[in-house]
Amino acid sequence: MNPTRRERAGYTLMEVLAALSIIAAMASVTLPAMDNFFASQRVAAEANRFVQNVRMAQYQAMETGKYHRLYMIPDGTGYMLDGYKLDVPAQTTVLDLADAVKPNSPNWDDITGEDVVEFDAAVRFSPPFAEPIFFRPDGMLVLTPTFEAPLVPDCLATFSYGLSVMTVNVTPIGIRSSEDFYEE
């Protein structure tokens, strides 16, 4: 009489270890790529919000005929977009130039509904200027809130997180381009 063989029900330790090593090798290749993908999405989202808010301030300055300003928070964590709330004659200046550079001046109203637009804490922002940028009623970006003020020179605002970097080109006529957003 032949003894019957027992059927195997399960995996050996070597088979389980081989499967785990294959999974670990695949994860070591795909996880860094996924992290870079998510980093680029975070950078693009912050840059897009910045572009849209700056364009909104520019359009509101032209629509209302009043100066607007972009004030960068010095540590790079955010910015403020405000509109001048006092009435002034066309093609003049704001009433108080010293007041125009104060971040919490009572003569300027927030236009974003956020008071300070804060960036994602993981995204690093390098502003183009330390001083405020003003939007004239004709839509031009200038260095001071006067009609004869010098125009903002071409400059870059840089957003970065991990290996992902995005630059936004700020010009005297507004935001003209970045890697994802092009001239209107």
Protein backbone atom coordinates (compact mmCIF):
# COMPACT_ATOMS: atom_id res chain seq x y z
CA MET A 1 0.00 0.00 0.00
CA ASN A 2 1.20 3.42 -0.98
CA PRO A 3 0.97 6.13 1.60
CA THR A 4 -0.96 9.11 0.20
CA ARG A 5 0.74 12.45 -0.07
CA ARG A 6 -0.61 15.33 1.87
CA GLU A 7 -1.77 18.35 -0.14
CA ARG A 8 0.09 21.56 0.55
CA ALA A 9 -2.14 24.28 1.98
CA GLY A 10 -0.16 27.55 2.19
CA TYR A 11 3.10 29.20 1.25
CA THR A 12 6.57 28.54 2.46
CA LEU A 13 8.53 31.19 4.27
CA MET A 14 10.81 31.61 1.26
CA GLU A 15 7.85 32.30 -1.05
CA VAL A 16 6.47 34.92 1.32
CA LEU A 17 9.87 36.62 1.65
CA ALA A 18 10.35 36.64 -2.13
CA ALA A 19 6.95 38.28 -2.64
CA LEU A 20 7.68 40.91 0.03
CA SER A 21 11.06 41.76 -1.50
CA ILE A 22 9.44 42.28 -4.93
CA ILE A 23 6.80 44.57 -3.39
CA ALA A 24 9.49 46.53 -1.50
CA ALA A 25 11.55 46.99 -4.67
CA MET A 26 8.51 48.29 -6.59
CA ALA A 27 7.58 50.65 -3.75
CA SER A 28 11.10 52.09 -3.60
CA VAL A 29 10.77 53.09 -7.25
CA THR A 30 7.18 54.40 -7.26
CA LEU A 31 6.94 56.26 -3.93
CA PRO A 32 9.54 58.97 -4.71
CA ALA A 33 7.86 59.59 -8.05
CA MET A 34 4.49 59.96 -6.33
CA ASP A 35 5.98 62.36 -3.78
CA ASN A 36 7.39 64.51 -6.58
CA PHE A 37 4.00 64.46 -8.34
CA PHE A 38 2.19 65.66 -5.21
CA ALA A 39 4.86 68.31 -4.59
CA SER A 40 4.39 69.69 -8.10
CA GLN A 41 0.62 69.77 -7.56
CA ARG A 42 1.01 71.77 -4.35
CA VAL A 43 3.36 74.25 -6.01
CA ALA A 44 1.06 74.63 -9.03
CA ALA A 45 -1.98 75.20 -6.79
CA GLU A 46 -0.28 78.00 -4.84
CA ALA A 47 1.11 79.62 -7.98
CA ASN A 48 -2.31 79.46 -9.65
CA ARG A 49 -4.00 81.09 -6.66
CA PHE A 50 -1.35 83.84 -6.62
CA VAL A 51 -1.79 84.48 -10.37
CA GLN A 52 -5.58 84.63 -10.10
CA ASN A 53 -5.52 86.96 -7.07
CA VAL A 54 -3.02 89.36 -8.66
CA ARG A 55 -5.09 89.47 -11.86
CA MET A 56 -8.22 90.10 -9.78
CA ALA A 57 -6.54 93.09 -8.08
CA GLN A 58 -5.43 94.46 -11.44
CA TYR A 59 -8.92 94.15 -12.93
CA GLN A 60 -10.55 95.69 -9.84
CA ALA A 61 -8.16 98.66 -10.01
CA MET A 62 -9.23 99.27 -13.60
CA GLU A 63 -12.91 98.72 -12.81
CA THR A 64 -13.09 100.93 -9.72
CA GLY A 65 -10.56 103.55 -10.83
CA LYS A 66 -8.78 103.21 -7.46
CA TYR A 67 -5.31 102.06 -6.53
CA HIS A 68 -4.86 98.51 -5.31
CA ARG A 69 -1.75 97.01 -3.74
CA LEU A 70 0.02 93.71 -3.32
CA TYR A 71 1.83 93.57 0.03
CA MET A 72 4.21 90.62 0.52
CA ILE A 73 4.54 89.28 4.05
CA PRO A 74 8.30 89.62 4.76
CA ASP A 75 8.83 86.00 5.84
CA GLY A 76 7.34 84.65 2.58
CA THR A 77 4.33 82.99 4.22
CA GLY A 78 1.71 84.98 2.34
CA TYR A 79 0.54 88.28 0.93
CA MET A 80 -2.22 90.86 1.20
CA LEU A 81 -4.25 92.35 -1.64
CA ASP A 82 -6.00 95.59 -0.76
CA GLY A 83 -7.98 98.28 -2.51
CA TYR A 84 -7.76 101.96 -1.58
CA LYS A 85 -11.09 102.90 -0.07
CA LEU A 86 -10.92 106.71 -0.14
CA ASP A 87 -12.13 108.65 -3.16
CA VAL A 88 -9.45 110.62 -4.98
CA PRO A 89 -9.56 112.53 -8.26
CA ALA A 90 -8.66 110.56 -11.38
CA GLN A 91 -4.97 110.29 -12.35
CA THR A 92 -3.76 111.39 -8.95
CA THR A 93 -2.32 109.56 -6.02
CA VAL A 94 -3.57 108.12 -2.80
CA LEU A 95 -4.07 110.76 -0.14
CA ASP A 96 -1.34 109.58 2.24
CA LEU A 97 1.80 108.05 0.70
CA ALA A 98 3.31 107.02 4.05
CA ASP A 99 0.07 105.23 4.86
CA ALA A 100 0.21 103.28 1.59
CA VAL A 101 3.14 101.12 2.66
CA LYS A 102 1.72 100.18 6.07
CA PRO A 103 0.29 96.66 5.94
CA ASN A 104 -2.62 97.29 8.32
CA SER A 105 -3.61 100.77 7.24
CA PRO A 106 -7.28 101.66 7.80
CA ASN A 107 -7.41 103.33 4.35
CA TRP A 108 -6.97 100.01 2.52
CA ASP A 109 -9.58 97.24 2.39
CA ASP A 110 -8.88 93.57 1.79
CA ILE A 111 -10.25 92.34 -1.55
CA THR A 112 -9.70 88.58 -1.11
CA GLY A 113 -11.85 87.90 1.93
CA GLU A 114 -8.84 86.32 3.66
CA ASP A 115 -7.07 89.44 5.03
CA VAL A 116 -3.73 87.64 4.62
CA VAL A 117 -3.58 85.02 1.88
CA GLU A 118 -1.36 82.38 3.42
CA PHE A 119 0.62 79.88 1.37
CA ASP A 120 0.64 76.16 2.03
CA ALA A 121 3.16 75.78 4.86
CA ALA A 122 5.17 73.24 2.84
CA VAL A 123 5.51 75.56 -0.17
CA ARG A 124 8.38 78.06 -0.06
CA PHE A 125 7.68 81.44 -1.68
CA SER A 126 10.35 83.89 -2.82
CA PRO A 127 8.64 87.23 -3.50
CA PRO A 128 9.79 89.48 -6.33
CA PHE A 129 9.94 92.56 -4.04
CA ALA A 130 10.06 93.32 -0.35
CA GLU A 131 8.06 96.52 -0.86
CA PRO A 132 4.39 96.65 -1.92
CA ILE A 133 3.47 96.65 -5.60
CA PHE A 134 0.67 99.04 -6.57
CA PHE A 135 -1.91 98.66 -9.33
CA ARG A 136 -2.74 101.98 -10.98
CA PRO A 137 -6.31 102.61 -12.16
CA ASP A 138 -5.08 102.02 -15.73
CA GLY A 139 -3.92 98.51 -14.71
CA MET A 140 -0.17 99.17 -14.72
CA LEU A 141 1.96 97.86 -11.85
CA VAL A 142 4.04 100.57 -10.20
CA LEU A 143 6.39 100.96 -7.25
CA THR A 144 4.52 103.81 -5.52
CA PRO A 145 0.87 104.83 -5.61
CA THR A 146 1.38 107.88 -7.80
CA PHE A 147 0.47 108.26 -11.45
CA GLU A 148 4.04 109.19 -12.44
CA ALA A 149 5.55 106.33 -10.41
CA PRO A 150 8.22 104.12 -11.96
CA LEU A 151 6.88 100.90 -13.42
CA VAL A 152 7.64 97.59 -11.75
CA PRO A 153 10.62 95.99 -13.52
CA ASP A 154 10.23 92.47 -14.90
CA CYS A 155 10.79 90.07 -12.02
CA LEU A 156 10.03 86.54 -10.90
CA ALA A 157 8.02 85.21 -7.99
CA THR A 158 9.24 81.69 -7.20
CA PHE A 159 7.28 78.85 -5.60
CA SER A 160 9.09 75.68 -4.52
CA TYR A 161 8.50 72.47 -2.63
CA GLY A 162 10.90 69.56 -2.70
CA LEU A 163 12.25 69.28 -6.23
CA SER A 164 9.32 71.19 -7.75
CA VAL A 165 9.90 74.83 -8.65
CA MET A 166 7.55 77.19 -10.48
CA THR A 167 8.23 80.79 -11.41
CA VAL A 168 5.66 83.47 -12.18
CA ASN A 169 6.73 86.42 -14.34
CA VAL A 170 5.54 89.75 -12.90
CA THR A 171 5.78 92.65 -15.35
CA PRO A 172 4.58 96.27 -15.47
CA ILE A 173 1.44 95.10 -17.28
CA GLY A 174 0.69 92.34 -14.77
CA ILE A 175 1.34 88.64 -14.64
CA ARG A 176 2.12 87.59 -18.16
CA SER A 177 3.31 84.02 -17.90
CA SER A 178 4.54 81.12 -15.85
CA GLU A 179 5.13 77.48 -16.67
CA ASP A 180 1.39 76.78 -16.60
CA PHE A 181 -0.33 80.12 -17.19
CA TYR A 182 0.19 82.19 -20.28
CA GLU A 183 -0.64 85.65 -21.52
CA GLU A 184 -4.33 86.42 -21.81
